C-alpha atoms as a PDB file:
ATOM      1  CA  MET A   1     261.006  48.709  14.423  1.00  0.00           C
ATOM      2  CA  LEU A   2     258.701  50.995  16.444  1.00  0.00           C
ATOM      3  CA  ARG A   3     261.378  51.425  19.108  1.00  0.00           C
ATOM      4  CA  LEU A   4     263.908  52.536  16.492  1.00  0.00           C
ATOM      5  CA  LEU A   5     261.414  54.891  14.852  1.00  0.00           C
ATOM      6  CA  ASN A   6     260.558  56.428  18.236  1.00  0.00           C
ATOM      7  CA  ILE A   7     264.230  57.201  18.775  1.00  0.00           C
ATOM      8  CA  GLU A   8     264.542  58.896  15.372  1.00  0.00           C
ATOM      9  CA  PHE A   9     261.362  60.936  15.570  1.00  0.00           C
ATOM     10  CA  HIS A  10     262.273  62.064  19.071  1.00  0.00           C
ATOM     11  CA  LYS A  11     265.484  63.502  17.611  1.00  0.00           C
ATOM     12  CA  LEU A  12     263.650  65.116  14.684  1.00  0.00           C
ATOM     13  CA  LYS A  13     261.007  66.596  16.976  1.00  0.00           C
ATOM     14  CA  HIS A  14     263.683  68.501  18.882  1.00  0.00           C
ATOM     15  CA  ASN A  15     265.490  69.729  15.767  1.00  0.00           C
ATOM     16  CA  LYS A  16     264.001  73.040  14.637  1.00  0.00           C
ATOM     17  CA  ALA A  17     265.627  73.058  11.179  1.00  0.00           C
ATOM     18  CA  SER A  18     264.339  69.550  10.393  1.00  0.00           C
ATOM     19  CA  ARG A  19     260.828  70.492  11.522  1.00  0.00           C
ATOM     20  CA  ILE A  20     260.795  73.593   9.327  1.00  0.00           C
ATOM     21  CA  LEU A  21     262.113  71.741   6.258  1.00  0.00           C
ATOM     22  CA  THR A  22     259.584  68.937   6.752  1.00  0.00           C
ATOM     23  CA  ILE A  23     256.723  71.442   7.015  1.00  0.00           C
ATOM     24  CA  ILE A  24     257.952  73.246   3.877  1.00  0.00           C
ATOM     25  CA  TYR A  25     258.170  69.947   1.990  1.00  0.00           C
ATOM     26  CA  PHE A  26     254.643  68.795   2.812  1.00  0.00           C
ATOM     27  CA  GLY A  27     253.396  72.349   2.261  1.00  0.00           C
ATOM     28  CA  LEU A  28     254.859  72.234  -1.249  1.00  0.00           C
ATOM     29  CA  LEU A  29     253.235  68.858  -1.884  1.00  0.00           C
ATOM     30  CA  THR A  30     249.902  70.332  -0.884  1.00  0.00           C
ATOM     31  CA  SER A  31     250.542  73.376  -3.091  1.00  0.00           C
ATOM     32  CA  ILE A  32     250.156  71.169  -6.177  1.00  0.00           C
ATOM     33  CA  ALA A  33     246.473  71.987  -5.767  1.00  0.00           C
ATOM     34  CA  LEU A  34     247.283  75.629  -6.564  1.00  0.00           C
ATOM     35  CA  ILE A  35     248.020  74.614 -10.161  1.00  0.00           C
ATOM     36  CA  ALA A  36     244.254  74.417 -10.589  1.00  0.00           C
ATOM     37  CA  ALA A  37     244.020  78.163  -9.878  1.00  0.00           C
ATOM     38  CA  ILE A  38     246.308  79.173 -12.771  1.00  0.00           C
ATOM     39  CA  LYS A  39     244.260  81.225 -15.234  1.00  0.00           C
ATOM     40  CA  PHE A  40     245.124  83.649 -18.031  1.00  0.00           C
ATOM     41  CA  ASP A  41     242.481  86.008 -19.401  1.00  0.00           C
ATOM     42  CA  ILE A  42     244.021  88.180 -22.116  1.00  0.00           C
ATOM     43  CA  GLY A  43     241.251  89.709 -24.199  1.00  0.00           C
ATOM     44  CA  PRO A  44     239.513  86.916 -26.112  1.00  0.00           C
ATOM     45  CA  VAL A  45     242.114  84.376 -24.994  1.00  0.00           C
ATOM     46  CA  LYS A  46     241.033  82.539 -21.863  1.00  0.00           C
ATOM     47  CA  PHE A  47     243.294  79.819 -20.490  1.00  0.00           C
ATOM     48  CA  HIS A  48     242.591  77.712 -17.407  1.00  0.00           C
ATOM     49  CA  LEU A  49     245.256  75.082 -16.730  1.00  0.00           C
ATOM     50  CA  ALA A  50     242.827  72.744 -14.982  1.00  0.00           C
ATOM     51  CA  ASP A  51     240.743  72.613 -18.193  1.00  0.00           C
ATOM     52  CA  GLN A  52     243.691  71.215 -20.184  1.00  0.00           C
ATOM     53  CA  GLY A  53     243.165  67.716 -18.793  1.00  0.00           C
ATOM     54  CA  ILE A  54     246.061  67.622 -16.326  1.00  0.00           C
ATOM     55  CA  PHE A  55     243.677  66.593 -13.538  1.00  0.00           C
ATOM     56  CA  ASN A  56     241.846  63.947 -15.525  1.00  0.00           C
ATOM     57  CA  PHE A  57     241.931  60.394 -14.234  1.00  0.00           C
ATOM     58  CA  PRO A  58     244.153  58.430 -14.729  1.00  0.00           C
ATOM     59  CA  TYR A  59     246.599  61.031 -16.128  1.00  0.00           C
ATOM     60  CA  ILE A  60     246.627  62.893 -12.803  1.00  0.00           C
ATOM     61  CA  TRP A  61     248.527  60.060 -11.084  1.00  0.00           C
ATOM     62  CA  HIS A  62     251.340  60.449 -13.617  1.00  0.00           C
ATOM     63  CA  PHE A  63     251.361  64.261 -13.593  1.00  0.00           C
ATOM     64  CA  ASN A  64     251.176  64.768  -9.816  1.00  0.00           C
ATOM     65  CA  SER A  65     253.711  62.077  -8.943  1.00  0.00           C
ATOM     66  CA  TYR A  66     256.161  63.680 -11.396  1.00  0.00           C
ATOM     67  CA  ILE A  67     255.600  67.179  -9.971  1.00  0.00           C
ATOM     68  CA  ALA A  68     255.697  65.959  -6.351  1.00  0.00           C
ATOM     69  CA  ALA A  69     259.044  64.237  -6.963  1.00  0.00           C
ATOM     70  CA  ILE A  70     260.597  67.625  -7.789  1.00  0.00           C
ATOM     71  CA  PHE A  71     260.149  68.698  -4.152  1.00  0.00           C
ATOM     72  CA  LYS A  72     262.075  65.734  -2.733  1.00  0.00           C
ATOM     73  CA  PHE A  73     265.166  67.917  -2.322  1.00  0.00           C
ATOM     74  CA  PHE A  74     263.674  69.486   0.832  1.00  0.00           C
ATOM     75  CA  LEU A  75     263.337  66.109   2.545  1.00  0.00           C
ATOM     76  CA  LEU A  76     266.834  65.228   1.358  1.00  0.00           C
ATOM     77  CA  LEU A  77     268.060  68.142   3.505  1.00  0.00           C
ATOM     78  CA  VAL A  78     266.259  66.609   6.482  1.00  0.00           C
ATOM     79  CA  ILE A  79     267.841  63.201   5.847  1.00  0.00           C
ATOM     80  CA  VAL A  80     271.419  64.456   5.482  1.00  0.00           C
ATOM     81  CA  SER A  81     271.127  66.915   8.386  1.00  0.00           C
ATOM     82  CA  MET A  82     269.652  64.119  10.485  1.00  0.00           C
ATOM     83  CA  MET A  83     272.834  62.147   9.867  1.00  0.00           C
ATOM     84  CA  ALA A  84     275.190  65.112  10.226  1.00  0.00           C
ATOM     85  CA  ASN A  85     273.637  66.008  13.593  1.00  0.00           C
ATOM     86  CA  GLU A  86     274.499  62.533  14.882  1.00  0.00           C
ATOM     87  CA  TYR A  87     278.171  63.449  14.534  1.00  0.00           C
ATOM     88  CA  SER A  88     277.845  67.095  15.556  1.00  0.00           C
ATOM     89  CA  TYR A  89     275.898  66.412  18.764  1.00  0.00           C
ATOM     90  CA  LYS A  90     277.632  63.079  19.526  1.00  0.00           C
ATOM     91  CA  THR A  91     274.247  61.326  19.699  1.00  0.00           C
ATOM     92  CA  LEU A  92     275.541  58.475  17.524  1.00  0.00           C
ATOM     93  CA  LYS A  93     278.231  57.655  20.050  1.00  0.00           C
ATOM     94  CA  GLN A  94     275.757  58.005  22.919  1.00  0.00           C
ATOM     95  CA  ASN A  95     273.243  55.688  21.220  1.00  0.00           C
ATOM     96  CA  LEU A  96     275.937  53.040  20.804  1.00  0.00           C
ATOM     97  CA  ILE A  97     277.006  53.442  24.447  1.00  0.00           C
ATOM     98  CA  ASP A  98     273.358  53.033  25.486  1.00  0.00           C
ATOM     99  CA  GLY A  99     273.228  49.647  23.775  1.00  0.00           C
ATOM    100  CA  LEU A 100     272.062  50.392  20.241  1.00  0.00           C
ATOM    101  CA  SER A 101     274.010  48.292  17.734  1.00  0.00           C
ATOM    102  CA  LYS A 102     275.384  49.829  14.539  1.00  0.00           C
ATOM    103  CA  LYS A 103     273.007  47.633  12.543  1.00  0.00           C
ATOM    104  CA  GLU A 104     270.041  48.946  14.549  1.00  0.00           C
ATOM    105  CA  PHE A 105     271.288  52.494  14.079  1.00  0.00           C
ATOM    106  CA  ILE A 106     271.341  52.148  10.274  1.00  0.00           C
ATOM    107  CA  LEU A 107     267.973  50.394  10.335  1.00  0.00           C
ATOM    108  CA  SER A 108     266.491  53.257  12.366  1.00  0.00           C
ATOM    109  CA  LYS A 109     267.597  55.692   9.671  1.00  0.00           C
ATOM    110  CA  PHE A 110     266.308  53.465   6.874  1.00  0.00           C
ATOM    111  CA  TYR A 111     262.944  53.003   8.616  1.00  0.00           C
ATOM    112  CA  THR A 112     262.712  56.798   8.838  1.00  0.00           C
ATOM    113  CA  VAL A 113     263.393  57.011   5.106  1.00  0.00           C
ATOM    114  CA  LEU A 114     260.597  54.483   4.472  1.00  0.00           C
ATOM    115  CA  VAL A 115     258.153  56.419   6.678  1.00  0.00           C
ATOM    116  CA  PHE A 116     258.942  59.739   4.979  1.00  0.00           C
ATOM    117  CA  ALA A 117     258.504  58.128   1.559  1.00  0.00           C
ATOM    118  CA  ALA A 118     255.243  56.425   2.596  1.00  0.00           C
ATOM    119  CA  ILE A 119     253.736  59.617   4.057  1.00  0.00           C
ATOM    120  CA  SER A 120     254.780  61.553   0.944  1.00  0.00           C
ATOM    121  CA  THR A 121     253.091  58.951  -1.250  1.00  0.00           C
ATOM    122  CA  LEU A 122     249.924  59.083   0.866  1.00  0.00           C
ATOM    123  CA  PHE A 123     249.918  62.894   0.577  1.00  0.00           C
ATOM    124  CA  ALA A 124     250.303  62.693  -3.199  1.00  0.00           C
ATOM    125  CA  PHE A 125     247.497  60.108  -3.370  1.00  0.00           C
ATOM    126  CA  ILE A 126     245.044  62.189  -1.322  1.00  0.00           C
ATOM    127  CA  ILE A 127     245.784  65.451  -3.155  1.00  0.00           C
ATOM    128  CA  SER A 128     245.512  63.755  -6.561  1.00  0.00           C
ATOM    129  CA  LEU A 129     242.274  61.995  -5.612  1.00  0.00           C
ATOM    130  CA  VAL A 130     240.651  65.218  -4.390  1.00  0.00           C
ATOM    131  CA  LEU A 131     241.758  67.236  -7.439  1.00  0.00           C
ATOM    132  CA  GLY A 132     240.666  64.454  -9.763  1.00  0.00           C
ATOM    133  CA  MET A 133     237.239  64.169  -8.182  1.00  0.00           C
ATOM    134  CA  ILE A 134     236.785  67.938  -8.632  1.00  0.00           C
ATOM    135  CA  TYR A 135     238.214  68.469 -12.133  1.00  0.00           C
ATOM    136  CA  SER A 136     238.380  65.123 -13.926  1.00  0.00           C
ATOM    137  CA  ASP A 137     236.048  64.431 -16.850  1.00  0.00           C
ATOM    138  CA  PHE A 138     236.233  60.716 -16.062  1.00  0.00           C
ATOM    139  CA  ASN A 139     234.914  59.477 -12.733  1.00  0.00           C
ATOM    140  CA  GLU A 140     234.358  55.767 -13.311  1.00  0.00           C
ATOM    141  CA  VAL A 141     235.935  53.687 -10.547  1.00  0.00           C
ATOM    142  CA  SER A 142     237.867  51.535 -13.027  1.00  0.00           C
ATOM    143  CA  ILE A 143     239.427  54.680 -14.542  1.00  0.00           C
ATOM    144  CA  ILE A 144     240.052  56.466 -11.225  1.00  0.00           C
ATOM    145  CA  PHE A 145     242.146  53.645  -9.819  1.00  0.00           C
ATOM    146  CA  SER A 146     244.074  52.755 -12.963  1.00  0.00           C
ATOM    147  CA  ASP A 147     247.712  53.852 -13.419  1.00  0.00           C
ATOM    148  CA  LEU A 148     248.341  53.840  -9.648  1.00  0.00           C
ATOM    149  CA  GLU A 149     251.731  52.312 -10.431  1.00  0.00           C
ATOM    150  CA  TYR A 150     252.998  55.884 -10.780  1.00  0.00           C
ATOM    151  CA  LEU A 151     252.503  56.357  -7.040  1.00  0.00           C
ATOM    152  CA  PHE A 152     254.378  53.128  -6.377  1.00  0.00           C
ATOM    153  CA  ALA A 153     257.197  54.396  -8.617  1.00  0.00           C
ATOM    154  CA  PHE A 154     257.095  57.690  -6.681  1.00  0.00           C
ATOM    155  CA  PHE A 155     257.545  55.764  -3.406  1.00  0.00           C
ATOM    156  CA  ILE A 156     260.470  53.723  -4.786  1.00  0.00           C
ATOM    157  CA  LYS A 157     262.056  56.880  -6.207  1.00  0.00           C
ATOM    158  CA  LEU A 158     261.949  58.633  -2.825  1.00  0.00           C
ATOM    159  CA  VAL A 159     263.315  55.608  -0.963  1.00  0.00           C
ATOM    160  CA  GLY A 160     266.223  55.327  -3.399  1.00  0.00           C
ATOM    161  CA  PHE A 161     266.946  59.073  -3.372  1.00  0.00           C
ATOM    162  CA  PHE A 162     266.827  59.389   0.420  1.00  0.00           C
ATOM    163  CA  SER A 163     268.962  56.255   0.839  1.00  0.00           C
ATOM    164  CA  PHE A 164     271.565  57.899  -1.401  1.00  0.00           C
ATOM    165  CA  GLY A 165     271.371  61.005   0.793  1.00  0.00           C
ATOM    166  CA  LEU A 166     271.723  58.885   3.925  1.00  0.00           C
ATOM    167  CA  PHE A 167     274.868  57.256   2.544  1.00  0.00           C
ATOM    168  CA  LEU A 168     276.375  60.639   1.652  1.00  0.00           C
ATOM    169  CA  GLY A 169     275.495  61.949   5.113  1.00  0.00           C
ATOM    170  CA  ILE A 170     277.418  59.095   6.734  1.00  0.00           C
ATOM    171  CA  LEU A 171     280.289  59.338   4.262  1.00  0.00           C
ATOM    172  CA  ILE A 172     280.824  63.098   4.479  1.00  0.00           C
ATOM    173  CA  LYS A 173     279.383  63.873   7.969  1.00  0.00           C
ATOM    174  CA  ARG A 174     278.396  67.439   7.050  1.00  0.00           C
ATOM    175  CA  SER A 175     274.952  68.167   5.632  1.00  0.00           C
ATOM    176  CA  ALA A 176     276.032  70.990   3.308  1.00  0.00           C
ATOM    177  CA  PHE A 177     278.876  68.912   1.854  1.00  0.00           C
ATOM    178  CA  ALA A 178     276.610  65.854   1.565  1.00  0.00           C
ATOM    179  CA  VAL A 179     274.108  67.848  -0.500  1.00  0.00           C
ATOM    180  CA  ALA A 180     277.012  69.217  -2.538  1.00  0.00           C
ATOM    181  CA  GLY A 181     278.136  65.616  -3.048  1.00  0.00           C
ATOM    182  CA  MET A 182     274.718  64.765  -4.502  1.00  0.00           C
ATOM    183  CA  ILE A 183     274.964  67.751  -6.869  1.00  0.00           C
ATOM    184  CA  VAL A 184     278.493  66.759  -7.901  1.00  0.00           C
ATOM    185  CA  TRP A 185     277.293  63.220  -8.637  1.00  0.00           C
ATOM    186  CA  PHE A 186     274.461  64.643 -10.760  1.00  0.00           C
ATOM    187  CA  ILE A 187     277.014  66.704 -12.701  1.00  0.00           C
ATOM    188  CA  ILE A 188     279.193  63.599 -13.171  1.00  0.00           C
ATOM    189  CA  GLU A 189     276.254  61.640 -14.574  1.00  0.00           C
ATOM    190  CA  SER A 190     275.422  64.564 -16.888  1.00  0.00           C
ATOM    191  CA  ILE A 191     279.022  64.723 -18.144  1.00  0.00           C
ATOM    192  CA  VAL A 192     279.071  60.965 -18.748  1.00  0.00           C
ATOM    193  CA  LYS A 193     275.766  61.233 -20.622  1.00  0.00           C
ATOM    194  CA  GLY A 194     277.106  64.068 -22.777  1.00  0.00           C
ATOM    195  CA  TYR A 195     280.284  62.113 -23.488  1.00  0.00           C
ATOM    196  CA  LEU A 196     278.262  59.062 -24.531  1.00  0.00           C
ATOM    197  CA  PHE A 197     276.172  61.160 -26.920  1.00  0.00           C
ATOM    198  CA  TRP A 198     279.390  62.508 -28.419  1.00  0.00           C
ATOM    199  CA  THR A 199     280.831  58.976 -28.670  1.00  0.00           C
ATOM    200  CA  PHE A 200     277.748  57.589 -30.444  1.00  0.00           C
ATOM    201  CA  LYS A 201     277.033  60.685 -32.565  1.00  0.00           C
ATOM    202  CA  ASP A 202     277.691  58.715 -35.761  1.00  0.00           C
ATOM    203  CA  LEU A 203     274.766  56.422 -34.950  1.00  0.00           C
ATOM    204  CA  LYS A 204     272.365  59.390 -35.359  1.00  0.00           C
ATOM    205  CA  LEU A 205     268.829  58.139 -34.581  1.00  0.00           C
ATOM    206  CA  GLU A 206     270.146  55.135 -32.663  1.00  0.00           C
ATOM    207  CA  ALA A 207     272.440  57.260 -30.470  1.00  0.00           C
ATOM    208  CA  ALA A 208     269.747  58.158 -27.891  1.00  0.00           C
ATOM    209  CA  ALA A 209     268.728  54.505 -27.445  1.00  0.00           C
ATOM    210  CA  LYS A 210     272.365  53.466 -27.051  1.00  0.00           C
ATOM    211  CA  VAL A 211     273.041  56.177 -24.448  1.00  0.00           C
ATOM    212  CA  ASP A 212     269.840  55.340 -22.528  1.00  0.00           C
ATOM    213  CA  SER A 213     270.761  51.641 -22.438  1.00  0.00           C
ATOM    214  CA  ILE A 214     273.976  52.555 -20.599  1.00  0.00           C
ATOM    215  CA  MET A 215     272.784  55.475 -18.454  1.00  0.00           C
ATOM    216  CA  GLN A 216     269.826  53.525 -17.051  1.00  0.00           C
ATOM    217  CA  PHE A 217     272.232  51.781 -14.659  1.00  0.00           C
ATOM    218  CA  PHE A 218     273.409  55.030 -13.025  1.00  0.00           C
ATOM    219  CA  PRO A 219     271.571  55.762  -9.743  1.00  0.00           C
ATOM    220  CA  LEU A 220     270.115  59.229 -10.393  1.00  0.00           C
ATOM    221  CA  GLU A 221     269.295  58.402 -14.007  1.00  0.00           C
ATOM    222  CA  ALA A 222     267.580  55.189 -12.887  1.00  0.00           C
ATOM    223  CA  MET A 223     265.488  57.162 -10.383  1.00  0.00           C
ATOM    224  CA  SER A 224     264.623  59.695 -13.072  1.00  0.00           C
ATOM    225  CA  ASN A 225     263.516  56.910 -15.424  1.00  0.00           C
ATOM    226  CA  LEU A 226     260.918  55.661 -12.943  1.00  0.00           C
ATOM    227  CA  ILE A 227     258.513  58.484 -13.808  1.00  0.00           C
ATOM    228  CA  LYS A 228     258.927  59.898 -17.310  1.00  0.00           C
ATOM    229  CA  GLU A 229     257.936  63.494 -18.005  1.00  0.00           C
ATOM    230  CA  PRO A 230     254.138  63.642 -18.462  1.00  0.00           C
ATOM    231  CA  PHE A 231     253.778  66.856 -20.497  1.00  0.00           C
ATOM    232  CA  THR A 232     254.109  65.387 -23.989  1.00  0.00           C
ATOM    233  CA  ARG A 233     251.428  62.853 -23.028  1.00  0.00           C
ATOM    234  CA  LEU A 234     248.778  65.597 -22.940  1.00  0.00           C
ATOM    235  CA  GLY A 235     246.365  65.555 -25.860  1.00  0.00           C
ATOM    236  CA  ALA A 236     246.795  69.309 -26.421  1.00  0.00           C
ATOM    237  CA  VAL A 237     250.572  68.941 -26.739  1.00  0.00           C
ATOM    238  CA  LYS A 238     250.208  66.016 -29.153  1.00  0.00           C
ATOM    239  CA  SER A 239     247.788  68.047 -31.283  1.00  0.00           C
ATOM    240  CA  VAL A 240     250.221  70.957 -31.522  1.00  0.00           C
ATOM    241  CA  ALA A 241     253.076  68.575 -32.384  1.00  0.00           C
ATOM    242  CA  LYS A 242     250.995  66.963 -35.128  1.00  0.00           C
ATOM    243  CA  GLN A 243     250.179  70.368 -36.626  1.00  0.00           C
ATOM    244  CA  ILE A 244     253.882  71.147 -37.004  1.00  0.00           C
ATOM    245  CA  GLY A 245     254.611  67.735 -38.471  1.00  0.00           C
ATOM    246  CA  GLU A 246     256.017  66.036 -35.352  1.00  0.00           C
ATOM    247  CA  GLU A 247     254.799  62.666 -34.129  1.00  0.00           C
ATOM    248  CA  LEU A 248     255.312  62.163 -30.373  1.00  0.00           C
ATOM    249  CA  VAL A 249     255.879  58.469 -29.741  1.00  0.00           C
ATOM    250  CA  LYS A 250     257.073  57.652 -26.239  1.00  0.00           C
ATOM    251  CA  ASP A 251     256.677  54.914 -23.648  1.00  0.00           C
ATOM    252  CA  TYR A 252     255.370  56.561 -20.464  1.00  0.00           C
ATOM    253  CA  ALA A 253     254.765  53.332 -18.543  1.00  0.00           C
ATOM    254  CA  VAL A 254     256.506  52.478 -15.277  1.00  0.00           C
ATOM    255  CA  ASN A 255     259.134  49.892 -16.170  1.00  0.00           C
ATOM    256  CA  LEU A 256     259.704  47.019 -13.743  1.00  0.00           C
ATOM    257  CA  PHE A 257     263.363  46.852 -14.789  1.00  0.00           C
ATOM    258  CA  ASP A 258     263.841  50.504 -13.717  1.00  0.00           C
ATOM    259  CA  ILE A 259     262.258  49.686 -10.351  1.00  0.00           C
ATOM    260  CA  PHE A 260     264.604  46.733  -9.965  1.00  0.00           C
ATOM    261  CA  ILE A 261     267.667  48.909 -10.704  1.00  0.00           C
ATOM    262  CA  VAL A 262     266.613  51.516  -8.115  1.00  0.00           C
ATOM    263  CA  LEU A 263     265.961  48.810  -5.510  1.00  0.00           C
ATOM    264  CA  ILE A 264     269.442  47.390  -6.147  1.00  0.00           C
ATOM    265  CA  TRP A 265     270.963  50.855  -5.677  1.00  0.00           C
ATOM    266  CA  THR A 266     268.927  51.326  -2.495  1.00  0.00           C
ATOM    267  CA  PHE A 267     270.346  48.076  -1.109  1.00  0.00           C
ATOM    268  CA  ILE A 268     273.866  49.158  -2.123  1.00  0.00           C
ATOM    269  CA  PHE A 269     273.518  52.546  -0.396  1.00  0.00           C
ATOM    270  CA  ILE A 270     272.199  51.029   2.836  1.00  0.00           C
ATOM    271  CA  PHE A 271     274.815  48.254   2.785  1.00  0.00           C
ATOM    272  CA  LEU A 272     277.632  50.763   2.174  1.00  0.00           C
ATOM    273  CA  SER A 273     276.268  52.966   4.973  1.00  0.00           C
ATOM    274  CA  PHE A 274     276.380  50.041   7.401  1.00  0.00           C
ATOM    275  CA  THR A 275     279.830  48.930   6.203  1.00  0.00           C
ATOM    276  CA  LEU A 276     281.202  52.462   6.553  1.00  0.00           C
ATOM    277  CA  LEU A 277     279.757  52.892  10.018  1.00  0.00           C
ATOM    278  CA  LYS A 278     280.984  49.454  11.065  1.00  0.00           C
ATOM    279  CA  LYS A 279     284.585  50.170  10.038  1.00  0.00           C
ATOM    280  CA  ARG A 280     284.706  53.767  11.218  1.00  0.00           C
ATOM    281  CA  ASP A 281     286.248  54.566  14.582  1.00  0.00           C
ATOM    282  CA  LEU A 282     283.635  56.619  16.415  1.00  0.00           C
END
C-alpha cells in the first residue's frame, strides 16, 4: 500500500495544477472558521452568526461537515486530472511496463482517494473542535463527542464522490470532459427526480416520500442523503417557522442504509474502473 501511495504522491508532487487545487481545497476547508467573523451592525440591529448556535456542540459536527462537503469539487478536479495525466503523459503505460499490474494501478488511485478523504475528515474534525471550544455554549465531554457520525458520513461521501470521479477519468480520459460528465449525470438525476414528482403529483403529500424512496438509489442522490441540510435544525429557524404556522419535522440523522448504498456505488465505480482498464488496449 505504501509503495503504491508513494508512486501516486510523487506524481502529484510534480504536477503544479494538482498542487494548487489541493492547496485551494484545504484552504477553503480552513476558511469555514471565517464564518465566525460574519457580523452585521445596522443601527439597533446587531447580528453575529457565531451567536446563532451554529458552532454549538454537537450541532457543529453536522453544520461543518455539510459545509465542508460543498468544497469537494476542487479535489474532484485533482482526482480526474490525476487520471487524465496518466494518458496524456503516458505514465500509465510506463508504470505497466515497469511491472505495475493493472490491479495495483487502480488500487494506487483508490488508496489516494482514501487518503484525501481521510485528511479532509481530519481537517474538518480539527476545525470544528477548535471553533466549538471557542464558541459553543456546551463543553461537556459527552456532548462534545456526540454526533461524530456526521464526520464518518463526510468521509464516506468523499470516498464515493472521488471514486465516481476516478471512474469518469478512466472512462473519458480528459479531465474537463470527465468533470462535464459528472455535471451531466447530476442533470440526468435532476431530470429523473422532476419526472418522478410529475408522475406522482396526484399523491400530493405522499409524492415526496415516493420520489425519495426511488431516488435514494441513484449515486449522487445517495451521497447527498448522507448529510442532510442542517439549517432548518437551528433553533432560531424553527422558532421563525413556528411563528408563521409551519412545523419543521425532519430526520437529520445519518442513515446506515444511505451509507450502505454509497459503499455499494463506491465498489461499483472501482470495479468498473478496473474492468475498463483491464479490457482497454493501452
